[in-house]
Amino acid sequence: MLAKTTRVNFLFDFYQMLLTPKQRSYMSLYYLDDYSLGEIADEYDVSRQAVYDNIRRTEAMLEEYESKLLLFQKFQERAKMIDQLRAAAKKSPIEATQLLPIIDSLEKLE
């Protein structure tokens, strides 16, 4: 469950601007602010089922965006490569002085 929540949070970060304001609000309240379905339903004066359906549809949309755009996958791959570069730079102190600033700059581009 935690892995799914983490994945949805990342996807939401990458693709939230492609969602409607209502979808963004429901997802933010549910995943970021840890509201229950009932609390969101009360806030918007809708049924708990309506909130649940909206969140599930939005999750599916986020997964579809990711399958087409691959922003999260590329982010993970870059992070892995940065870690590998940093580890390699630490093995060679002479090259590290040149590589570490470049790696830091690359990381800041995220």
PDB file of N, CA and C in Angstrom:
ATOM      1  N   MET A   1       0.823  -1.193   0.000  1.00  0.00           N
ATOM      2  CA  MET A   1       0.000   0.000   0.000  1.00  0.00           C
ATOM      3  C   MET A   1       0.871   1.262   0.000  1.00  0.00           C
ATOM      4  N   LEU A   2       1.937   1.238   0.777  1.00  0.00           N
ATOM      5  CA  LEU A   2       2.824   2.399   0.844  1.00  0.00           C
ATOM      6  C   LEU A   2       3.486   2.657  -0.510  1.00  0.00           C
ATOM      7  N   ALA A   3       3.874   1.581  -1.197  1.00  0.00           N
ATOM      8  CA  ALA A   3       4.496   1.733  -2.516  1.00  0.00           C
ATOM      9  C   ALA A   3       3.511   2.366  -3.499  1.00  0.00           C
ATOM     10  N   LYS A   4       2.247   1.956  -3.435  1.00  0.00           N
ATOM     11  CA  LYS A   4       1.237   2.529  -4.330  1.00  0.00           C
ATOM     12  C   LYS A   4       1.045   4.010  -4.014  1.00  0.00           C
ATOM     13  N   THR A   5       0.953   4.333  -2.735  1.00  0.00           N
ATOM     14  CA  THR A   5       0.765   5.726  -2.327  1.00  0.00           C
ATOM     15  C   THR A   5       1.939   6.588  -2.781  1.00  0.00           C
ATOM     16  N   THR A   6       3.141   6.073  -2.616  1.00  0.00           N
ATOM     17  CA  THR A   6       4.329   6.804  -3.040  1.00  0.00           C
ATOM     18  C   THR A   6       4.313   7.013  -4.551  1.00  0.00           C
ATOM     19  N   ARG A   7       3.963   5.974  -5.288  1.00  0.00           N
ATOM     20  CA  ARG A   7       3.905   6.086  -6.752  1.00  0.00           C
ATOM     21  C   ARG A   7       2.861   7.120  -7.173  1.00  0.00           C
ATOM     22  N   VAL A   8       1.676   7.053  -6.586  1.00  0.00           N
ATOM     23  CA  VAL A   8       0.616   8.000  -6.943  1.00  0.00           C
ATOM     24  C   VAL A   8       1.051   9.422  -6.603  1.00  0.00           C
ATOM     25  N   ASN A   9       1.717   9.606  -5.481  1.00  0.00           N
ATOM     26  CA  ASN A   9       2.209  10.948  -5.114  1.00  0.00           C
ATOM     27  C   ASN A   9       3.198  11.474  -6.155  1.00  0.00           C
ATOM     28  N   PHE A  10       4.111  10.626  -6.616  1.00  0.00           N
ATOM     29  CA  PHE A  10       5.053  11.050  -7.652  1.00  0.00           C
ATOM     30  C   PHE A  10       4.319  11.376  -8.944  1.00  0.00           C
ATOM     31  N   LEU A  11       3.404  10.498  -9.350  1.00  0.00           N
ATOM     32  CA  LEU A  11       2.655  10.743 -10.585  1.00  0.00           C
ATOM     33  C   LEU A  11       1.853  12.030 -10.474  1.00  0.00           C
ATOM     34  N   PHE A  12       1.272  12.257  -9.312  1.00  0.00           N
ATOM     35  CA  PHE A  12       0.508  13.485  -9.093  1.00  0.00           C
ATOM     36  C   PHE A  12       1.425  14.699  -9.232  1.00  0.00           C
ATOM     37  N   ASP A  13       2.624  14.623  -8.677  1.00  0.00           N
ATOM     38  CA  ASP A  13       3.587  15.728  -8.802  1.00  0.00           C
ATOM     39  C   ASP A  13       3.897  16.031 -10.267  1.00  0.00           C
ATOM     40  N   PHE A  14       4.092  14.984 -11.052  1.00  0.00           N
ATOM     41  CA  PHE A  14       4.461  15.175 -12.451  1.00  0.00           C
ATOM     42  C   PHE A  14       3.294  15.640 -13.319  1.00  0.00           C
ATOM     43  N   TYR A  15       2.097  15.129 -13.060  1.00  0.00           N
ATOM     44  CA  TYR A  15       0.998  15.323 -14.002  1.00  0.00           C
ATOM     45  C   TYR A  15      -0.184  16.126 -13.459  1.00  0.00           C
ATOM     46  N   GLN A  16      -0.070  16.719 -12.306  1.00  0.00           N
ATOM     47  CA  GLN A  16      -1.219  17.390 -11.711  1.00  0.00           C
ATOM     48  C   GLN A  16      -1.789  18.513 -12.570  1.00  0.00           C
ATOM     49  N   MET A  17      -0.953  19.161 -13.349  1.00  0.00           N
ATOM     50  CA  MET A  17      -1.450  20.263 -14.173  1.00  0.00           C
ATOM     51  C   MET A  17      -2.326  19.773 -15.328  1.00  0.00           C
ATOM     52  N   LEU A  18      -2.328  18.478 -15.585  1.00  0.00           N
ATOM     53  CA  LEU A  18      -3.183  17.914 -16.621  1.00  0.00           C
ATOM     54  C   LEU A  18      -4.560  17.528 -16.079  1.00  0.00           C
ATOM     55  N   LEU A  19      -4.740  17.670 -14.778  1.00  0.00           N
ATOM     56  CA  LEU A  19      -6.004  17.308 -14.133  1.00  0.00           C
ATOM     57  C   LEU A  19      -6.905  18.528 -13.985  1.00  0.00           C
ATOM     58  N   THR A  20      -8.184  18.261 -13.791  1.00  0.00           N
ATOM     59  CA  THR A  20      -9.122  19.354 -13.519  1.00  0.00           C
ATOM     60  C   THR A  20      -8.899  19.845 -12.086  1.00  0.00           C
ATOM     61  N   PRO A  21      -9.347  21.049 -11.770  1.00  0.00           N
ATOM     62  CA  PRO A  21      -9.196  21.538 -10.394  1.00  0.00           C
ATOM     63  C   PRO A  21      -9.839  20.603  -9.356  1.00  0.00           C
ATOM     64  N   LYS A  22     -10.981  20.044  -9.687  1.00  0.00           N
ATOM     65  CA  LYS A  22     -11.660  19.124  -8.758  1.00  0.00           C
ATOM     66  C   LYS A  22     -10.823  17.862  -8.546  1.00  0.00           C
ATOM     67  N   GLN A  23     -10.284  17.311  -9.623  1.00  0.00           N
ATOM     68  CA  GLN A  23      -9.436  16.128  -9.497  1.00  0.00           C
ATOM     69  C   GLN A  23      -8.202  16.435  -8.666  1.00  0.00           C
ATOM     70  N   ARG A  24      -7.582  17.579  -8.934  1.00  0.00           N
ATOM     71  CA  ARG A  24      -6.397  17.975  -8.156  1.00  0.00           C
ATOM     72  C   ARG A  24      -6.738  18.098  -6.680  1.00  0.00           C
ATOM     73  N   SER A  25      -7.881  18.702  -6.397  1.00  0.00           N
ATOM     74  CA  SER A  25      -8.280  18.915  -5.018  1.00  0.00           C
ATOM     75  C   SER A  25      -8.519  17.590  -4.295  1.00  0.00           C
ATOM     76  N   TYR A  26      -9.283  16.703  -4.919  1.00  0.00           N
ATOM     77  CA  TYR A  26      -9.559  15.393  -4.307  1.00  0.00           C
ATOM     78  C   TYR A  26      -8.257  14.625  -4.055  1.00  0.00           C
ATOM     79  N   MET A  27      -7.382  14.608  -5.061  1.00  0.00           N
ATOM     80  CA  MET A  27      -6.130  13.859  -4.922  1.00  0.00           C
ATOM     81  C   MET A  27      -5.234  14.476  -3.851  1.00  0.00           C
ATOM     82  N   SER A  28      -5.177  15.781  -3.819  1.00  0.00           N
ATOM     83  CA  SER A  28      -4.367  16.465  -2.823  1.00  0.00           C
ATOM     84  C   SER A  28      -4.883  16.177  -1.418  1.00  0.00           C
ATOM     85  N   LEU A  29      -6.176  16.290  -1.237  1.00  0.00           N
ATOM     86  CA  LEU A  29      -6.748  16.032   0.085  1.00  0.00           C
ATOM     87  C   LEU A  29      -6.536  14.577   0.501  1.00  0.00           C
ATOM     88  N   TYR A  30      -6.732  13.662  -0.420  1.00  0.00           N
ATOM     89  CA  TYR A  30      -6.659  12.238  -0.087  1.00  0.00           C
ATOM     90  C   TYR A  30      -5.221  11.769   0.117  1.00  0.00           C
ATOM     91  N   TYR A  31      -4.345  12.103  -0.823  1.00  0.00           N
ATOM     92  CA  TYR A  31      -2.978  11.579  -0.769  1.00  0.00           C
ATOM     93  C   TYR A  31      -1.994  12.458  -0.012  1.00  0.00           C
ATOM     94  N   LEU A  32      -2.131  13.764  -0.116  1.00  0.00           N
ATOM     95  CA  LEU A  32      -1.155  14.634   0.531  1.00  0.00           C
ATOM     96  C   LEU A  32      -1.579  15.041   1.942  1.00  0.00           C
ATOM     97  N   ASP A  33      -2.868  15.335   2.117  1.00  0.00           N
ATOM     98  CA  ASP A  33      -3.354  15.794   3.420  1.00  0.00           C
ATOM     99  C   ASP A  33      -3.956  14.677   4.262  1.00  0.00           C
ATOM    100  N   ASP A  34      -4.027  13.462   3.694  1.00  0.00           N
ATOM    101  CA  ASP A  34      -4.485  12.267   4.408  1.00  0.00           C
ATOM    102  C   ASP A  34      -5.936  12.380   4.902  1.00  0.00           C
ATOM    103  N   TYR A  35      -6.784  13.036   4.124  1.00  0.00           N
ATOM    104  CA  TYR A  35      -8.213  13.084   4.441  1.00  0.00           C
ATOM    105  C   TYR A  35      -8.832  11.730   4.107  1.00  0.00           C
ATOM    106  N   SER A  36      -9.866  11.353   4.834  1.00  0.00           N
ATOM    107  CA  SER A  36     -10.605  10.144   4.493  1.00  0.00           C
ATOM    108  C   SER A  36     -11.598  10.462   3.383  1.00  0.00           C
ATOM    109  N   LEU A  37     -12.137   9.423   2.763  1.00  0.00           N
ATOM    110  CA  LEU A  37     -13.141   9.625   1.722  1.00  0.00           C
ATOM    111  C   LEU A  37     -14.355  10.366   2.289  1.00  0.00           C
ATOM    112  N   GLY A  38     -14.725  10.008   3.507  1.00  0.00           N
ATOM    113  CA  GLY A  38     -15.859  10.660   4.158  1.00  0.00           C
ATOM    114  C   GLY A  38     -15.617  12.137   4.410  1.00  0.00           C
ATOM    115  N   GLU A  39     -14.413  12.485   4.828  1.00  0.00           N
ATOM    116  CA  GLU A  39     -14.090  13.894   5.080  1.00  0.00           C
ATOM    117  C   GLU A  39     -14.132  14.707   3.791  1.00  0.00           C
ATOM    118  N   ILE A  40     -13.633  14.121   2.709  1.00  0.00           N
ATOM    119  CA  ILE A  40     -13.672  14.823   1.421  1.00  0.00           C
ATOM    120  C   ILE A  40     -15.115  14.961   0.955  1.00  0.00           C
ATOM    121  N   ALA A  41     -15.893  13.897   1.130  1.00  0.00           N
ATOM    122  CA  ALA A  41     -17.305  13.933   0.743  1.00  0.00           C
ATOM    123  C   ALA A  41     -18.045  15.029   1.500  1.00  0.00           C
ATOM    124  N   ASP A  42     -17.786  15.150   2.790  1.00  0.00           N
ATOM    125  CA  ASP A  42     -18.417  16.203   3.596  1.00  0.00           C
ATOM    126  C   ASP A  42     -17.996  17.595   3.116  1.00  0.00           C
ATOM    127  N   GLU A  43     -16.735  17.728   2.794  1.00  0.00           N
ATOM    128  CA  GLU A  43     -16.193  19.017   2.342  1.00  0.00           C
ATOM    129  C   GLU A  43     -16.860  19.492   1.044  1.00  0.00           C
ATOM    130  N   TYR A  44     -17.126  18.547   0.149  1.00  0.00           N
ATOM    131  CA  TYR A  44     -17.692  18.890  -1.156  1.00  0.00           C
ATOM    132  C   TYR A  44     -19.189  18.593  -1.274  1.00  0.00           C
ATOM    133  N   ASP A  45     -19.780  18.130  -0.199  1.00  0.00           N
ATOM    134  CA  ASP A  45     -21.208  17.830  -0.165  1.00  0.00           C
ATOM    135  C   ASP A  45     -21.606  16.850  -1.277  1.00  0.00           C
ATOM    136  N   VAL A  46     -20.820  15.777  -1.378  1.00  0.00           N
ATOM    137  CA  VAL A  46     -21.105  14.690  -2.320  1.00  0.00           C
ATOM    138  C   VAL A  46     -21.029  13.375  -1.555  1.00  0.00           C
ATOM    139  N   SER A  47     -21.384  12.294  -2.237  1.00  0.00           N
ATOM    140  CA  SER A  47     -21.333  10.991  -1.562  1.00  0.00           C
ATOM    141  C   SER A  47     -19.893  10.495  -1.478  1.00  0.00           C
ATOM    142  N   ARG A  48     -19.676   9.630  -0.525  1.00  0.00           N
ATOM    143  CA  ARG A  48     -18.377   9.004  -0.348  1.00  0.00           C
ATOM    144  C   ARG A  48     -18.018   8.212  -1.610  1.00  0.00           C
ATOM    145  N   GLN A  49     -19.027   7.557  -2.199  1.00  0.00           N
ATOM    146  CA  GLN A  49     -18.819   6.779  -3.424  1.00  0.00           C
ATOM    147  C   GLN A  49     -18.372   7.667  -4.583  1.00  0.00           C
ATOM    148  N   ALA A  50     -18.919   8.878  -4.669  1.00  0.00           N
ATOM    149  CA  ALA A  50     -18.530   9.809  -5.729  1.00  0.00           C
ATOM    150  C   ALA A  50     -17.055  10.194  -5.589  1.00  0.00           C
ATOM    151  N   VAL A  51     -16.633  10.414  -4.368  1.00  0.00           N
ATOM    152  CA  VAL A  51     -15.223  10.749  -4.117  1.00  0.00           C
ATOM    153  C   VAL A  51     -14.339   9.563  -4.491  1.00  0.00           C
ATOM    154  N   TYR A  52     -14.734   8.378  -4.046  1.00  0.00           N
ATOM    155  CA  TYR A  52     -13.968   7.160  -4.340  1.00  0.00           C
ATOM    156  C   TYR A  52     -13.828   6.966  -5.851  1.00  0.00           C
ATOM    157  N   ASP A  53     -14.937   7.074  -6.573  1.00  0.00           N
ATOM    158  CA  ASP A  53     -14.915   6.896  -8.028  1.00  0.00           C
ATOM    159  C   ASP A  53     -14.018   7.931  -8.701  1.00  0.00           C
ATOM    160  N   ASN A  54     -14.097   9.174  -8.246  1.00  0.00           N
ATOM    161  CA  ASN A  54     -13.287  10.235  -8.830  1.00  0.00           C
ATOM    162  C   ASN A  54     -11.799   9.962  -8.595  1.00  0.00           C
ATOM    163  N   ILE A  55     -11.444   9.556  -7.397  1.00  0.00           N
ATOM    164  CA  ILE A  55     -10.041   9.277  -7.080  1.00  0.00           C
ATOM    165  C   ILE A  55      -9.531   8.102  -7.900  1.00  0.00           C
ATOM    166  N   ARG A  56     -10.305   7.031  -8.023  1.00  0.00           N
ATOM    167  CA  ARG A  56      -9.874   5.856  -8.798  1.00  0.00           C
ATOM    168  C   ARG A  56      -9.720   6.203 -10.282  1.00  0.00           C
ATOM    169  N   ARG A  57     -10.656   6.968 -10.822  1.00  0.00           N
ATOM    170  CA  ARG A  57     -10.550   7.397 -12.226  1.00  0.00           C
ATOM    171  C   ARG A  57      -9.309   8.268 -12.430  1.00  0.00           C
ATOM    172  N   THR A  58      -9.059   9.143 -11.482  1.00  0.00           N
ATOM    173  CA  THR A  58      -7.893  10.027 -11.587  1.00  0.00           C
ATOM    174  C   THR A  58      -6.599   9.231 -11.491  1.00  0.00           C
ATOM    175  N   GLU A  59      -6.548   8.249 -10.607  1.00  0.00           N
ATOM    176  CA  GLU A  59      -5.364   7.382 -10.524  1.00  0.00           C
ATOM    177  C   GLU A  59      -5.113   6.695 -11.865  1.00  0.00           C
ATOM    178  N   ALA A  60      -6.189   6.208 -12.488  1.00  0.00           N
ATOM    179  CA  ALA A  60      -6.058   5.550 -13.793  1.00  0.00           C
ATOM    180  C   ALA A  60      -5.550   6.531 -14.848  1.00  0.00           C
ATOM    181  N   MET A  61      -6.034   7.764 -14.784  1.00  0.00           N
ATOM    182  CA  MET A  61      -5.569   8.789 -15.720  1.00  0.00           C
ATOM    183  C   MET A  61      -4.082   9.072 -15.517  1.00  0.00           C
ATOM    184  N   LEU A  62      -3.650   9.169 -14.270  1.00  0.00           N
ATOM    185  CA  LEU A  62      -2.238   9.415 -13.990  1.00  0.00           C
ATOM    186  C   LEU A  62      -1.373   8.287 -14.539  1.00  0.00           C
ATOM    187  N   GLU A  63      -1.837   7.049 -14.366  1.00  0.00           N
ATOM    188  CA  GLU A  63      -1.092   5.895 -14.894  1.00  0.00           C
ATOM    189  C   GLU A  63      -1.048   5.937 -16.422  1.00  0.00           C
ATOM    190  N   GLU A  64      -2.136   6.362 -17.036  1.00  0.00           N
ATOM    191  CA  GLU A  64      -2.174   6.468 -18.495  1.00  0.00           C
ATOM    192  C   GLU A  64      -1.202   7.547 -18.979  1.00  0.00           C
ATOM    193  N   TYR A  65      -1.196   8.693 -18.303  1.00  0.00           N
ATOM    194  CA  TYR A  65      -0.239   9.744 -18.655  1.00  0.00           C
ATOM    195  C   TYR A  65       1.185   9.218 -18.554  1.00  0.00           C
ATOM    196  N   GLU A  66       1.470   8.481 -17.494  1.00  0.00           N
ATOM    197  CA  GLU A  66       2.814   7.954 -17.289  1.00  0.00           C
ATOM    198  C   GLU A  66       3.170   6.950 -18.384  1.00  0.00           C
ATOM    199  N   SER A  67       2.218   6.123 -18.789  1.00  0.00           N
ATOM    200  CA  SER A  67       2.509   5.124 -19.829  1.00  0.00           C
ATOM    201  C   SER A  67       2.847   5.794 -21.160  1.00  0.00           C
ATOM    202  N   LYS A  68       2.330   6.993 -21.371  1.00  0.00           N
ATOM    203  CA  LYS A  68       2.590   7.704 -22.621  1.00  0.00           C
ATOM    204  C   LYS A  68       3.798   8.635 -22.538  1.00  0.00           C
ATOM    205  N   LEU A  69       3.957   9.318 -21.414  1.00  0.00           N
ATOM    206  CA  LEU A  69       4.998  10.347 -21.296  1.00  0.00           C
ATOM    207  C   LEU A  69       6.259   9.881 -20.564  1.00  0.00           C
ATOM    208  N   LEU A  70       6.104   8.911 -19.679  1.00  0.00           N
ATOM    209  CA  LEU A  70       7.237   8.299 -18.965  1.00  0.00           C
ATOM    210  C   LEU A  70       8.075   9.272 -18.130  1.00  0.00           C
ATOM    211  N   LEU A  71       7.483  10.330 -17.644  1.00  0.00           N
ATOM    212  CA  LEU A  71       8.243  11.306 -16.860  1.00  0.00           C
ATOM    213  C   LEU A  71       8.780  10.706 -15.560  1.00  0.00           C
ATOM    214  N   PHE A  72       7.956   9.930 -14.865  1.00  0.00           N
ATOM    215  CA  PHE A  72       8.391   9.338 -13.604  1.00  0.00           C
ATOM    216  C   PHE A  72       9.465   8.286 -13.842  1.00  0.00           C
ATOM    217  N   GLN A  73       9.298   7.468 -14.873  1.00  0.00           N
ATOM    218  CA  GLN A  73      10.296   6.448 -15.185  1.00  0.00           C
ATOM    219  C   GLN A  73      11.638   7.086 -15.496  1.00  0.00           C
ATOM    220  N   LYS A  74      11.628   8.148 -16.290  1.00  0.00           N
ATOM    221  CA  LYS A  74      12.867   8.842 -16.636  1.00  0.00           C
ATOM    222  C   LYS A  74      13.498   9.492 -15.402  1.00  0.00           C
ATOM    223  N   PHE A  75      12.663  10.028 -14.522  1.00  0.00           N
ATOM    224  CA  PHE A  75      13.146  10.608 -13.269  1.00  0.00           C
ATOM    225  C   PHE A  75      13.879   9.547 -12.443  1.00  0.00           C
ATOM    226  N   GLN A  76      13.274   8.361 -12.332  1.00  0.00           N
ATOM    227  CA  GLN A  76      13.898   7.280 -11.564  1.00  0.00           C
ATOM    228  C   GLN A  76      15.215   6.842 -12.190  1.00  0.00           C
ATOM    229  N   GLU A  77      15.234   6.753 -13.507  1.00  0.00           N
ATOM    230  CA  GLU A  77      16.461   6.351 -14.204  1.00  0.00           C
ATOM    231  C   GLU A  77      17.568   7.380 -14.007  1.00  0.00           C
ATOM    232  N   ARG A  78      17.219   8.674 -14.099  1.00  0.00           N
ATOM    233  CA  ARG A  78      18.222   9.717 -13.877  1.00  0.00           C
ATOM    234  C   ARG A  78      18.766   9.660 -12.451  1.00  0.00           C
ATOM    235  N   ALA A  79      17.871   9.471 -11.484  1.00  0.00           N
ATOM    236  CA  ALA A  79      18.307   9.402 -10.081  1.00  0.00           C
ATOM    237  C   ALA A  79      19.265   8.228  -9.873  1.00  0.00           C
ATOM    238  N   LYS A  80      18.976   7.117 -10.507  1.00  0.00           N
ATOM    239  CA  LYS A  80      19.842   5.932 -10.392  1.00  0.00           C
ATOM    240  C   LYS A  80      21.212   6.213 -11.015  1.00  0.00           C
ATOM    241  N   MET A  81      21.213   6.861 -12.174  1.00  0.00           N
ATOM    242  CA  MET A  81      22.482   7.194 -12.832  1.00  0.00           C
ATOM    243  C   MET A  81      23.298   8.192 -12.021  1.00  0.00           C
ATOM    244  N   ILE A  82      22.625   9.149 -11.416  1.00  0.00           N
ATOM    245  CA  ILE A  82      23.315  10.127 -10.573  1.00  0.00           C
ATOM    246  C   ILE A  82      23.966   9.421  -9.387  1.00  0.00           C
ATOM    247  N   ASP A  83      23.249   8.491  -8.780  1.00  0.00           N
ATOM    248  CA  ASP A  83      23.816   7.719  -7.665  1.00  0.00           C
ATOM    249  C   ASP A  83      25.043   6.927  -8.120  1.00  0.00           C
ATOM    250  N   GLN A  84      24.965   6.328  -9.305  1.00  0.00           N
ATOM    251  CA  GLN A  84      26.094   5.563  -9.830  1.00  0.00           C
ATOM    252  C   GLN A  84      27.292   6.476 -10.110  1.00  0.00           C
ATOM    253  N   LEU A  85      27.029   7.637 -10.675  1.00  0.00           N
ATOM    254  CA  LEU A  85      28.107   8.604 -10.935  1.00  0.00           C
ATOM    255  C   LEU A  85      28.771   9.062  -9.636  1.00  0.00           C
ATOM    256  N   ARG A  86      27.936   9.352  -8.650  1.00  0.00           N
ATOM    257  CA  ARG A  86      28.463   9.808  -7.362  1.00  0.00           C
ATOM    258  C   ARG A  86      29.335   8.717  -6.716  1.00  0.00           C
ATOM    259  N   ALA A  87      28.878   7.471  -6.787  1.00  0.00           N
ATOM    260  CA  ALA A  87      29.650   6.359  -6.224  1.00  0.00           C
ATOM    261  C   ALA A  87      30.975   6.197  -6.970  1.00  0.00           C
ATOM    262  N   ALA A  88      30.949   6.311  -8.290  1.00  0.00           N
ATOM    263  CA  ALA A  88      32.181   6.193  -9.083  1.00  0.00           C
ATOM    264  C   ALA A  88      33.132   7.338  -8.783  1.00  0.00           C
ATOM    265  N   ALA A  89      32.592   8.535  -8.618  1.00  0.00           N
ATOM    266  CA  ALA A  89      33.437   9.706  -8.334  1.00  0.00           C
ATOM    267  C   ALA A  89      34.121   9.570  -6.978  1.00  0.00           C
ATOM    268  N   LYS A  90      33.437   8.963  -6.018  1.00  0.00           N
ATOM    269  CA  LYS A  90      34.026   8.817  -4.677  1.00  0.00           C
ATOM    270  C   LYS A  90      35.152   7.791  -4.656  1.00  0.00           C
ATOM    271  N   LYS A  91      35.165   6.890  -5.633  1.00  0.00           N
ATOM    272  CA  LYS A  91      36.230   5.878  -5.702  1.00  0.00           C
ATOM    273  C   LYS A  91      37.536   6.470  -6.212  1.00  0.00           C
ATOM    274  N   SER A  92      37.443   7.528  -6.963  1.00  0.00           N
ATOM    275  CA  SER A  92      38.624   8.162  -7.541  1.00  0.00           C
ATOM    276  C   SER A  92      38.674   9.616  -7.095  1.00  0.00           C
ATOM    277  N   PRO A  93      39.409   9.913  -6.008  1.00  0.00           N
ATOM    278  CA  PRO A  93      39.428  11.268  -5.459  1.00  0.00           C
ATOM    279  C   PRO A  93      39.891  12.336  -6.449  1.00  0.00           C
ATOM    280  N   ILE A  94      40.767  11.983  -7.356  1.00  0.00           N
ATOM    281  CA  ILE A  94      41.265  12.975  -8.320  1.00  0.00           C
ATOM    282  C   ILE A  94      40.130  13.405  -9.245  1.00  0.00           C
ATOM    283  N   GLU A  95      39.391  12.437  -9.754  1.00  0.00           N
ATOM    284  CA  GLU A  95      38.282  12.751 -10.652  1.00  0.00           C
ATOM    285  C   GLU A  95      37.087  13.312  -9.885  1.00  0.00           C
ATOM    286  N   ALA A  96      36.981  12.988  -8.628  1.00  0.00           N
ATOM    287  CA  ALA A  96      35.842  13.428  -7.835  1.00  0.00           C
ATOM    288  C   ALA A  96      35.758  14.942  -7.776  1.00  0.00           C
ATOM    289  N   THR A  97      36.886  15.604  -7.684  1.00  0.00           N
ATOM    290  CA  THR A  97      36.859  17.062  -7.603  1.00  0.00           C
ATOM    291  C   THR A  97      36.285  17.685  -8.874  1.00  0.00           C
ATOM    292  N   GLN A  98      36.418  16.986  -9.980  1.00  0.00           N
ATOM    293  CA  GLN A  98      35.851  17.472 -11.231  1.00  0.00           C
ATOM    294  C   GLN A  98      34.412  16.991 -11.423  1.00  0.00           C
ATOM    295  N   LEU A  99      34.145  15.764 -11.027  1.00  0.00           N
ATOM    296  CA  LEU A  99      32.831  15.165 -11.287  1.00  0.00           C
ATOM    297  C   LEU A  99      31.743  15.608 -10.315  1.00  0.00           C
ATOM    298  N   LEU A 100      32.080  15.743  -9.054  1.00  0.00           N
ATOM    299  CA  LEU A 100      31.042  16.045  -8.066  1.00  0.00           C
ATOM    300  C   LEU A 100      30.298  17.351  -8.340  1.00  0.00           C
ATOM    301  N   PRO A 101      30.959  18.433  -8.731  1.00  0.00           N
ATOM    302  CA  PRO A 101      30.204  19.649  -9.065  1.00  0.00           C
ATOM    303  C   PRO A 101      29.259  19.444 -10.255  1.00  0.00           C
ATOM    304  N   ILE A 102      29.687  18.648 -11.236  1.00  0.00           N
ATOM    305  CA  ILE A 102      28.828  18.360 -12.390  1.00  0.00           C
ATOM    306  C   ILE A 102      27.625  17.531 -11.953  1.00  0.00           C
ATOM    307  N   ILE A 103      27.861  16.560 -11.104  1.00  0.00           N
ATOM    308  CA  ILE A 103      26.769  15.720 -10.596  1.00  0.00           C
ATOM    309  C   ILE A 103      25.782  16.567  -9.792  1.00  0.00           C
ATOM    310  N   ASP A 104      26.312  17.453  -8.960  1.00  0.00           N
ATOM    311  CA  ASP A 104      25.433  18.340  -8.181  1.00  0.00           C
ATOM    312  C   ASP A 104      24.577  19.212  -9.096  1.00  0.00           C
ATOM    313  N   SER A 105      25.183  19.726 -10.145  1.00  0.00           N
ATOM    314  CA  SER A 105      24.428  20.540 -11.112  1.00  0.00           C
ATOM    315  C   SER A 105      23.363  19.722 -11.813  1.00  0.00           C
ATOM    316  N   LEU A 106      23.703  18.518 -12.166  1.00  0.00           N
ATOM    317  CA  LEU A 106      22.746  17.627 -12.817  1.00  0.00           C
ATOM    318  C   LEU A 106      21.556  17.330 -11.899  1.00  0.00           C
ATOM    319  N   GLU A 107      21.861  17.118 -10.638  1.00  0.00           N
ATOM    320  CA  GLU A 107      20.808  16.850  -9.646  1.00  0.00           C
ATOM    321  C   GLU A 107      19.866  18.033  -9.489  1.00  0.00           C
ATOM    322  N   LYS A 108      20.396  19.227  -9.556  1.00  0.00           N
ATOM    323  CA  LYS A 108      19.580  20.436  -9.388  1.00  0.00           C
ATOM    324  C   LYS A 108      18.619  20.642 -10.552  1.00  0.00           C
ATOM    325  N   LEU A 109      18.890  20.038 -11.684  1.00  0.00           N
ATOM    326  CA  LEU A 109      18.008  20.152 -12.838  1.00  0.00           C
ATOM    327  C   LEU A 109      16.686  19.445 -12.618  1.00  0.00           C
ATOM    328  N   GLU A 110      16.656  18.520 -11.705  1.00  0.00           N
ATOM    329  CA  GLU A 110      15.426  17.789 -11.418  1.00  0.00           C
ATOM    330  C   GLU A 110      14.427  18.786 -10.960  1.00  0.00           C
TER     331      GLU A 110
END
